[in-house]
C-alpha atoms as a PDB file:
ATOM      1  CA  UNK A   1     115.334  82.001  95.115  1.00  0.00           C
ATOM      2  CA  UNK A   2     113.040  84.915  94.242  1.00  0.00           C
ATOM      3  CA  UNK A   3     110.191  85.093  96.491  1.00  0.00           C
ATOM      4  CA  UNK A   4     106.462  85.403  94.883  1.00  0.00           C
ATOM      5  CA  UNK A   5     104.808  88.589  95.887  1.00  0.00           C
ATOM      6  CA  UNK A   6     100.865  88.125  94.505  1.00  0.00           C
ATOM      7  CA  UNK A   7      98.992  91.226  95.036  1.00  0.00           C
ATOM      8  CA  UNK A   8      94.938  90.480  94.511  1.00  0.00           C
ATOM      9  CA  UNK A   9      93.047  92.610  91.374  1.00  0.00           C
ATOM     10  CA  UNK A  10      89.836  91.609  91.828  1.00  0.00           C
ATOM     11  CA  UNK A  11      87.878  88.195  91.069  1.00  0.00           C
ATOM     12  CA  UNK A  12      90.051  85.589  89.671  1.00  0.00           C
ATOM     13  CA  UNK A  13      92.620  89.007  88.505  1.00  0.00           C
ATOM     14  CA  UNK A  14      95.651  88.976  90.514  1.00  0.00           C
ATOM     15  CA  UNK A  15      99.726  90.618  90.218  1.00  0.00           C
ATOM     16  CA  UNK A  16     102.235  88.029  90.612  1.00  0.00           C
ATOM     17  CA  UNK A  17     105.781  89.367  90.771  1.00  0.00           C
ATOM     18  CA  UNK A  18     109.559  87.583  90.557  1.00  0.00           C
ATOM     19  CA  UNK A  19     111.970  89.735  91.428  1.00  0.00           C
ATOM     20  CA  UNK A  20     111.725  92.021  88.166  1.00  0.00           C
ATOM     21  CA  UNK A  21     109.752  89.819  86.216  1.00  0.00           C
ATOM     22  CA  UNK A  22     105.650  90.115  85.973  1.00  0.00           C
ATOM     23  CA  UNK A  23     102.723  88.168  85.744  1.00  0.00           C
ATOM     24  CA  UNK A  24      99.058  89.086  85.627  1.00  0.00           C
ATOM     25  CA  UNK A  25      96.260  87.015  85.352  1.00  0.00           C
ATOM     26  CA  UNK A  26      92.205  87.507  84.841  1.00  0.00           C
ATOM     27  CA  UNK A  27      92.987  91.025  85.389  1.00  0.00           C
ATOM     28  CA  UNK A  28      89.814  92.641  84.677  1.00  0.00           C
ATOM     29  CA  UNK A  29      89.374  95.678  87.678  1.00  0.00           C
ATOM     30  CA  UNK A  30      92.382  96.434  88.837  1.00  0.00           C
ATOM     31  CA  UNK A  31      90.810  98.948  91.601  1.00  0.00           C
ATOM     32  CA  UNK A  32      93.865  99.390  93.932  1.00  0.00           C
ATOM     33  CA  UNK A  33      95.785 100.650  90.061  1.00  0.00           C
ATOM     34  CA  UNK A  34      98.704  97.910  91.640  1.00  0.00           C
ATOM     35  CA  UNK A  35      99.550  96.762  88.233  1.00  0.00           C
ATOM     36  CA  UNK A  36     100.748 100.772  87.049  1.00  0.00           C
ATOM     37  CA  UNK A  37     102.355 101.220  90.632  1.00  0.00           C
ATOM     38  CA  UNK A  38     104.722  98.562  89.617  1.00  0.00           C
ATOM     39  CA  UNK A  39     105.025  98.424  85.838  1.00  0.00           C
ATOM     40  CA  UNK A  40     108.117 100.883  86.648  1.00  0.00           C
ATOM     41  CA  UNK A  41     110.408  98.341  88.413  1.00  0.00           C
ATOM     42  CA  UNK A  42     109.494  95.701  85.895  1.00  0.00           C
ATOM     43  CA  UNK A  43     111.868  94.294  83.360  1.00  0.00           C
ATOM     44  CA  UNK A  44     109.697  91.724  82.024  1.00  0.00           C
ATOM     45  CA  UNK A  45     106.221  91.362  81.492  1.00  0.00           C
ATOM     46  CA  UNK A  46     103.459  88.475  80.646  1.00  0.00           C
ATOM     47  CA  UNK A  47      99.695  88.847  80.472  1.00  0.00           C
ATOM     48  CA  UNK A  48      97.670  85.771  80.831  1.00  0.00           C
ATOM     49  CA  UNK A  49      93.665  85.358  80.100  1.00  0.00           C
ATOM     50  CA  UNK A  50      91.453  82.192  80.679  1.00  0.00           C
ATOM     51  CA  UNK A  51      88.563  82.781  78.988  1.00  0.00           C
ATOM     52  CA  UNK A  52      86.286  85.384  77.326  1.00  0.00           C
ATOM     53  CA  UNK A  53      83.687  86.050  80.293  1.00  0.00           C
ATOM     54  CA  UNK A  54      83.934  89.847  81.014  1.00  0.00           C
ATOM     55  CA  UNK A  55      85.502  89.275  84.638  1.00  0.00           C
ATOM     56  CA  UNK A  56      88.166  87.348  83.243  1.00  0.00           C
ATOM     57  CA  UNK A  57      89.222  89.277  79.815  1.00  0.00           C
ATOM     58  CA  UNK A  58      89.554  92.534  79.446  1.00  0.00           C
ATOM     59  CA  UNK A  59      90.452  94.410  76.719  1.00  0.00           C
ATOM     60  CA  UNK A  60      91.824  97.281  78.408  1.00  0.00           C
ATOM     61  CA  UNK A  61      94.555  95.571  79.328  1.00  0.00           C
ATOM     62  CA  UNK A  62      96.399  96.666  75.648  1.00  0.00           C
ATOM     63  CA  UNK A  63      97.575  99.995  77.457  1.00  0.00           C
ATOM     64  CA  UNK A  64     100.477  97.575  78.809  1.00  0.00           C
ATOM     65  CA  UNK A  65     101.428  96.508  75.614  1.00  0.00           C
ATOM     66  CA  UNK A  66     104.329  98.945  75.911  1.00  0.00           C
ATOM     67  CA  UNK A  67     105.539  97.076  79.110  1.00  0.00           C
ATOM     68  CA  UNK A  68     104.763  93.372  77.403  1.00  0.00           C
ATOM     69  CA  UNK A  69     106.591  90.458  76.494  1.00  0.00           C
ATOM     70  CA  UNK A  70     104.066  88.690  75.711  1.00  0.00           C
ATOM     71  CA  UNK A  71      99.787  88.298  76.281  1.00  0.00           C
ATOM     72  CA  UNK A  72      98.755  84.599  76.972  1.00  0.00           C
ATOM     73  CA  UNK A  73      95.190  84.579  75.657  1.00  0.00           C
ATOM     74  CA  UNK A  74      92.909  81.650  75.095  1.00  0.00           C
ATOM     75  CA  UNK A  75      91.330  81.029  71.726  1.00  0.00           C
ATOM     76  CA  UNK A  76      88.084  81.481  72.500  1.00  0.00           C
ATOM     77  CA  UNK A  77      88.616  85.298  73.078  1.00  0.00           C
ATOM     78  CA  UNK A  78      89.495  85.507  69.792  1.00  0.00           C
ATOM     79  CA  UNK A  79      85.989  84.793  69.094  1.00  0.00           C
ATOM     80  CA  UNK A  80      85.334  88.524  70.869  1.00  0.00           C
ATOM     81  CA  UNK A  81      84.685  91.345  68.839  1.00  0.00           C
ATOM     82  CA  UNK A  82      87.185  93.027  71.304  1.00  0.00           C
ATOM     83  CA  UNK A  83      89.996  90.852  70.572  1.00  0.00           C
ATOM     84  CA  UNK A  84      91.465  92.949  68.074  1.00  0.00           C
ATOM     85  CA  UNK A  85      92.314  95.665  69.831  1.00  0.00           C
ATOM     86  CA  UNK A  86      94.621  93.277  71.322  1.00  0.00           C
ATOM     87  CA  UNK A  87      98.949  94.347  70.216  1.00  0.00           C
ATOM     88  CA  UNK A  88      98.945  91.458  67.644  1.00  0.00           C
ATOM     89  CA  UNK A  89     102.486  90.967  67.267  1.00  0.00           C
ATOM     90  CA  UNK A  90     102.364  90.494  71.183  1.00  0.00           C
ATOM     91  CA  UNK A  91      99.466  87.869  71.311  1.00  0.00           C
ATOM     92  CA  UNK A  92      99.903  84.119  71.561  1.00  0.00           C
ATOM     93  CA  UNK A  93      96.503  82.077  71.502  1.00  0.00           C
ATOM     94  CA  UNK A  94      96.278  78.920  72.773  1.00  0.00           C
ATOM     95  CA  UNK A  95      94.379  75.748  72.245  1.00  0.00           C
ATOM     96  CA  UNK A  96      93.579  73.622  75.885  1.00  0.00           C
ATOM     97  CA  UNK A  97      95.952  71.177  76.382  1.00  0.00           C
ATOM     98  CA  UNK A  98      98.222  73.973  74.209  1.00  0.00           C
ATOM     99  CA  UNK A  99     101.582  74.588  75.129  1.00  0.00           C
ATOM    100  CA  UNK A 100     104.669  77.466  74.665  1.00  0.00           C
ATOM    101  CA  UNK A 101     108.258  77.943  75.551  1.00  0.00           C
ATOM    102  CA  UNK A 102     110.741  80.571  74.637  1.00  0.00           C
ATOM    103  CA  UNK A 103     112.520  83.567  76.977  1.00  0.00           C
ATOM    104  CA  UNK A 104     112.707  81.367  79.937  1.00  0.00           C
ATOM    105  CA  UNK A 105     109.344  80.785  80.390  1.00  0.00           C
ATOM    106  CA  UNK A 106     107.078  77.275  80.088  1.00  0.00           C
ATOM    107  CA  UNK A 107     103.254  77.825  79.316  1.00  0.00           C
ATOM    108  CA  UNK A 108     101.147  75.169  79.828  1.00  0.00           C
ATOM    109  CA  UNK A 109      97.129  75.265  78.881  1.00  0.00           C
ATOM    110  CA  UNK A 110      94.647  72.223  80.270  1.00  0.00           C
ATOM    111  CA  UNK A 111      90.957  72.730  79.450  1.00  0.00           C
ATOM    112  CA  UNK A 112      88.293  74.087  81.883  1.00  0.00           C
ATOM    113  CA  UNK A 113      84.538  73.062  83.186  1.00  0.00           C
ATOM    114  CA  UNK A 114      82.976  76.491  81.796  1.00  0.00           C
ATOM    115  CA  UNK A 115      85.152  78.472  78.686  1.00  0.00           C
ATOM    116  CA  UNK A 116      88.520  78.335  77.718  1.00  0.00           C
ATOM    117  CA  UNK A 117      91.612  77.405  79.765  1.00  0.00           C
ATOM    118  CA  UNK A 118      93.919  76.848  82.634  1.00  0.00           C
ATOM    119  CA  UNK A 119      97.280  77.677  82.544  1.00  0.00           C
ATOM    120  CA  UNK A 120     100.909  76.311  83.717  1.00  0.00           C
ATOM    121  CA  UNK A 121     103.183  78.803  84.118  1.00  0.00           C
ATOM    122  CA  UNK A 122     106.715  78.075  84.642  1.00  0.00           C
ATOM    123  CA  UNK A 123     109.421  80.501  84.783  1.00  0.00           C
ATOM    124  CA  UNK A 124     113.132  80.781  87.365  1.00  0.00           C
ATOM    125  CA  UNK A 125     112.332  77.773  88.924  1.00  0.00           C
ATOM    126  CA  UNK A 126     108.390  77.719  89.976  1.00  0.00           C
ATOM    127  CA  UNK A 127     105.697  76.833  88.796  1.00  0.00           C
ATOM    128  CA  UNK A 128     102.351  78.718  88.514  1.00  0.00           C
ATOM    129  CA  UNK A 129      99.074  76.588  88.275  1.00  0.00           C
ATOM    130  CA  UNK A 130      95.557  79.485  87.628  1.00  0.00           C
ATOM    131  CA  UNK A 131      92.610  77.465  86.869  1.00  0.00           C
ATOM    132  CA  UNK A 132      90.839  80.557  85.053  1.00  0.00           C
ATOM    133  CA  UNK A 133      86.777  79.294  85.741  1.00  0.00           C
ATOM    134  CA  UNK A 134      87.947  75.319  85.981  1.00  0.00           C
ATOM    135  CA  UNK A 135      85.659  73.853  88.767  1.00  0.00           C
ATOM    136  CA  UNK A 136      83.067  71.647  90.281  1.00  0.00           C
ATOM    137  CA  UNK A 137      80.318  74.763  89.848  1.00  0.00           C
ATOM    138  CA  UNK A 138      77.761  72.239  91.911  1.00  0.00           C
ATOM    139  CA  UNK A 139      74.835  74.921  92.258  1.00  0.00           C
ATOM    140  CA  UNK A 140      72.008  74.483  94.797  1.00  0.00           C
ATOM    141  CA  UNK A 141      68.701  74.823  93.259  1.00  0.00           C
ATOM    142  CA  UNK A 142      69.464  73.781  89.672  1.00  0.00           C
ATOM    143  CA  UNK A 143      68.272  69.824  88.718  1.00  0.00           C
ATOM    144  CA  UNK A 144      70.362  66.801  89.338  1.00  0.00           C
ATOM    145  CA  UNK A 145      70.904  65.890  85.896  1.00  0.00           C
ATOM    146  CA  UNK A 146      73.138  69.658  85.406  1.00  0.00           C
ATOM    147  CA  UNK A 147      75.298  68.971  88.429  1.00  0.00           C
ATOM    148  CA  UNK A 148      75.841  65.260  87.454  1.00  0.00           C
ATOM    149  CA  UNK A 149      76.994  66.650  84.155  1.00  0.00           C
ATOM    150  CA  UNK A 150      79.292  68.952  86.150  1.00  0.00           C
ATOM    151  CA  UNK A 151      80.526  66.967  88.874  1.00  0.00           C
ATOM    152  CA  UNK A 152      81.504  64.805  85.768  1.00  0.00           C
ATOM    153  CA  UNK A 153      83.080  67.112  83.823  1.00  0.00           C
ATOM    154  CA  UNK A 154      84.635  68.465  86.838  1.00  0.00           C
ATOM    155  CA  UNK A 155      86.344  64.447  87.387  1.00  0.00           C
ATOM    156  CA  UNK A 156      87.201  63.940  84.259  1.00  0.00           C
ATOM    157  CA  UNK A 157      89.533  66.880  84.037  1.00  0.00           C
ATOM    158  CA  UNK A 158      90.866  66.108  87.252  1.00  0.00           C
ATOM    159  CA  UNK A 159      92.213  62.961  85.173  1.00  0.00           C
ATOM    160  CA  UNK A 160      94.534  64.654  83.431  1.00  0.00           C
ATOM    161  CA  UNK A 161      95.231  66.887  86.289  1.00  0.00           C
ATOM    162  CA  UNK A 162      96.348  63.993  88.879  1.00  0.00           C
ATOM    163  CA  UNK A 163      99.685  64.470  90.984  1.00  0.00           C
ATOM    164  CA  UNK A 164     100.123  68.018  89.067  1.00  0.00           C
ATOM    165  CA  UNK A 165     103.041  69.697  91.138  1.00  0.00           C
ATOM    166  CA  UNK A 166     102.898  73.666  91.811  1.00  0.00           C
ATOM    167  CA  UNK A 167     104.670  75.642  93.868  1.00  0.00           C
ATOM    168  CA  UNK A 168     100.973  77.786  93.826  1.00  0.00           C
ATOM    169  CA  UNK A 169      97.599  77.560  92.740  1.00  0.00           C
ATOM    170  CA  UNK A 170      94.618  80.129  91.658  1.00  0.00           C
ATOM    171  CA  UNK A 171      91.390  78.273  92.176  1.00  0.00           C
ATOM    172  CA  UNK A 172      87.814  79.352  92.538  1.00  0.00           C
ATOM    173  CA  UNK A 173      86.148  78.750  96.556  1.00  0.00           C
ATOM    174  CA  UNK A 174      82.980  80.901  95.055  1.00  0.00           C
ATOM    175  CA  UNK A 175      80.876  81.531  97.865  1.00  0.00           C
ATOM    176  CA  UNK A 176      77.652  81.862  95.442  1.00  0.00           C
ATOM    177  CA  UNK A 177      77.763  77.358  95.111  1.00  0.00           C
ATOM    178  CA  UNK A 178      76.767  77.429  99.124  1.00  0.00           C
ATOM    179  CA  UNK A 179      77.358  74.656 100.628  1.00  0.00           C
ATOM    180  CA  UNK A 180      78.875  72.961  97.539  1.00  0.00           C
ATOM    181  CA  UNK A 181      81.704  76.465  97.263  1.00  0.00           C
ATOM    182  CA  UNK A 182      84.584  73.940  98.262  1.00  0.00           C
ATOM    183  CA  UNK A 183      83.404  71.017  96.142  1.00  0.00           C
ATOM    184  CA  UNK A 184      86.444  71.930  93.134  1.00  0.00           C
ATOM    185  CA  UNK A 185      89.064  73.063  95.663  1.00  0.00           C
ATOM    186  CA  UNK A 186      88.944  70.666  97.671  1.00  0.00           C
ATOM    187  CA  UNK A 187      89.482  67.408  95.816  1.00  0.00           C
ATOM    188  CA  UNK A 188      91.795  69.975  93.669  1.00  0.00           C
ATOM    189  CA  UNK A 189      94.163  69.892  96.781  1.00  0.00           C
ATOM    190  CA  UNK A 190      93.822  65.977  97.607  1.00  0.00           C
ATOM    191  CA  UNK A 191      94.686  64.763  93.623  1.00  0.00           C
ATOM    192  CA  UNK A 192      97.446  66.964  92.994  1.00  0.00           C
ATOM    193  CA  UNK A 193     100.551  68.269  95.298  1.00  0.00           C
ATOM    194  CA  UNK A 194     100.852  72.711  95.033  1.00  0.00           C
ATOM    195  CA  UNK A 195     102.104  73.814  97.922  1.00  0.00           C
ATOM    196  CA  UNK A 196     100.315  77.028  98.259  1.00  0.00           C
ATOM    197  CA  UNK A 197      95.955  77.277  97.935  1.00  0.00           C
ATOM    198  CA  UNK A 198      94.557  81.419  96.717  1.00  0.00           C
ATOM    199  CA  UNK A 199      91.251  81.385  96.722  1.00  0.00           C
ATOM    200  CA  UNK A 200      89.290  83.516  93.990  1.00  0.00           C
ATOM    201  CA  UNK A 201      86.274  84.143  92.683  1.00  0.00           C
ATOM    202  CA  UNK A 202      84.258  84.799  94.864  1.00  0.00           C
ATOM    203  CA  UNK A 203      83.601  89.212  94.791  1.00  0.00           C
ATOM    204  CA  UNK A 204      80.934  90.199  97.968  1.00  0.00           C
ATOM    205  CA  UNK A 205      81.748  86.876  99.896  1.00  0.00           C
ATOM    206  CA  UNK A 206      83.414  87.347 103.977  1.00  0.00           C
ATOM    207  CA  UNK A 207      86.847  85.704 103.413  1.00  0.00           C
ATOM    208  CA  UNK A 208      86.359  82.035 103.295  1.00  0.00           C
ATOM    209  CA  UNK A 209      89.083  80.020 105.679  1.00  0.00           C
ATOM    210  CA  UNK A 210      88.966  76.300 105.125  1.00  0.00           C
ATOM    211  CA  UNK A 211      87.354  73.789 107.299  1.00  0.00           C
ATOM    212  CA  UNK A 212      89.548  72.090 109.710  1.00  0.00           C
ATOM    213  CA  UNK A 213      88.301  68.597 107.154  1.00  0.00           C
ATOM    214  CA  UNK A 214      89.286  70.576 104.104  1.00  0.00           C
ATOM    215  CA  UNK A 215      92.653  68.775 103.458  1.00  0.00           C
ATOM    216  CA  UNK A 216      93.609  65.291 103.268  1.00  0.00           C
ATOM    217  CA  UNK A 217      95.890  64.021 106.809  1.00  0.00           C
ATOM    218  CA  UNK A 218      99.731  64.832 106.080  1.00  0.00           C
ATOM    219  CA  UNK A 219      98.579  67.516 103.210  1.00  0.00           C
ATOM    220  CA  UNK A 220      97.925  70.815 104.668  1.00  0.00           C
ATOM    221  CA  UNK A 221      99.184  73.905 103.037  1.00  0.00           C
ATOM    222  CA  UNK A 222      99.216  77.700 103.818  1.00  0.00           C
ATOM    223  CA  UNK A 223      96.158  79.285 102.060  1.00  0.00           C
ATOM    224  CA  UNK A 224      95.186  82.836 101.603  1.00  0.00           C
ATOM    225  CA  UNK A 225      91.804  84.040 100.635  1.00  0.00           C
ATOM    226  CA  UNK A 226      92.531  87.390  99.857  1.00  0.00           C
ATOM    227  CA  UNK A 227      88.680  90.034 100.021  1.00  0.00           C
ATOM    228  CA  UNK A 228      89.602  93.920  99.141  1.00  0.00           C
ATOM    229  CA  UNK A 229      91.896  94.835  95.948  1.00  0.00           C
ATOM    230  CA  UNK A 230      95.418  96.048  96.474  1.00  0.00           C
ATOM    231  CA  UNK A 231      95.866  92.944  99.302  1.00  0.00           C
ATOM    232  CA  UNK A 232      99.558  91.349  99.378  1.00  0.00           C
ATOM    233  CA  UNK A 233     101.096  88.547 100.490  1.00  0.00           C
ATOM    234  CA  UNK A 234     104.472  87.372 100.074  1.00  0.00           C
ATOM    235  CA  UNK A 235     105.353  83.401  99.242  1.00  0.00           C
ATOM    236  CA  UNK A 236     108.574  82.162  99.723  1.00  0.00           C
ATOM    237  CA  UNK A 237     109.462  78.929  98.290  1.00  0.00           C
ATOM    238  CA  UNK A 238     108.547  75.805 100.156  1.00  0.00           C
ATOM    239  CA  UNK A 239     107.579  78.570 102.822  1.00  0.00           C
ATOM    240  CA  UNK A 240     104.148  80.283 104.214  1.00  0.00           C
ATOM    241  CA  UNK A 241     102.497  83.843 103.368  1.00  0.00           C
ATOM    242  CA  UNK A 242     103.186  86.975 104.531  1.00  0.00           C
ATOM    243  CA  UNK A 243     102.403  90.258 104.465  1.00  0.00           C
END
């Protein structure tokens, strides 16, 4: 099975390459031009946007229309005027708990604790989870009521994700949350069966490393927390990250 080549674009944006197949997730900016460099070598290209926030959906991704097999967009993006710029013949709108399967790719959506969806993508034996803005959004200084609402919403969705298996998960570990930065990722890793974790949604903060007690005993997995656009890692099936 081919290895996954993963390039950080920015924020929650990643370009994932599996042989001559490419996946673009939440590409709102790509300062290093990683996608454009790879396009000539791709035979298949699938593009995902988890929700309508500006730092996850940029209508400029339409520039890939000539190469793309499909754009998988959360249905809340449809409310944006800019959504009309997307190539409708290649755009697949997905609600939460929705699914699509064709041409060897299977896409399943889950809910978010913010806007839109999260994605589970299956292709060529790989299972890739991208959380979008699904997270335990506990904000320091917010009201006890609001933070309780955030906690309950996260745990309700985790019941749907309990036991999820994936080769890799892209999940927020947002530095703005302070001491609550890892609340969501820690519980997500404890209650799912993911084999590798990529931290995201923390632009401008130092590179994160999990604390010694982040994983449950026996559930330690490889972690990558990119900082600079264009950073790249390779993940082999059942293995760790390598440069």
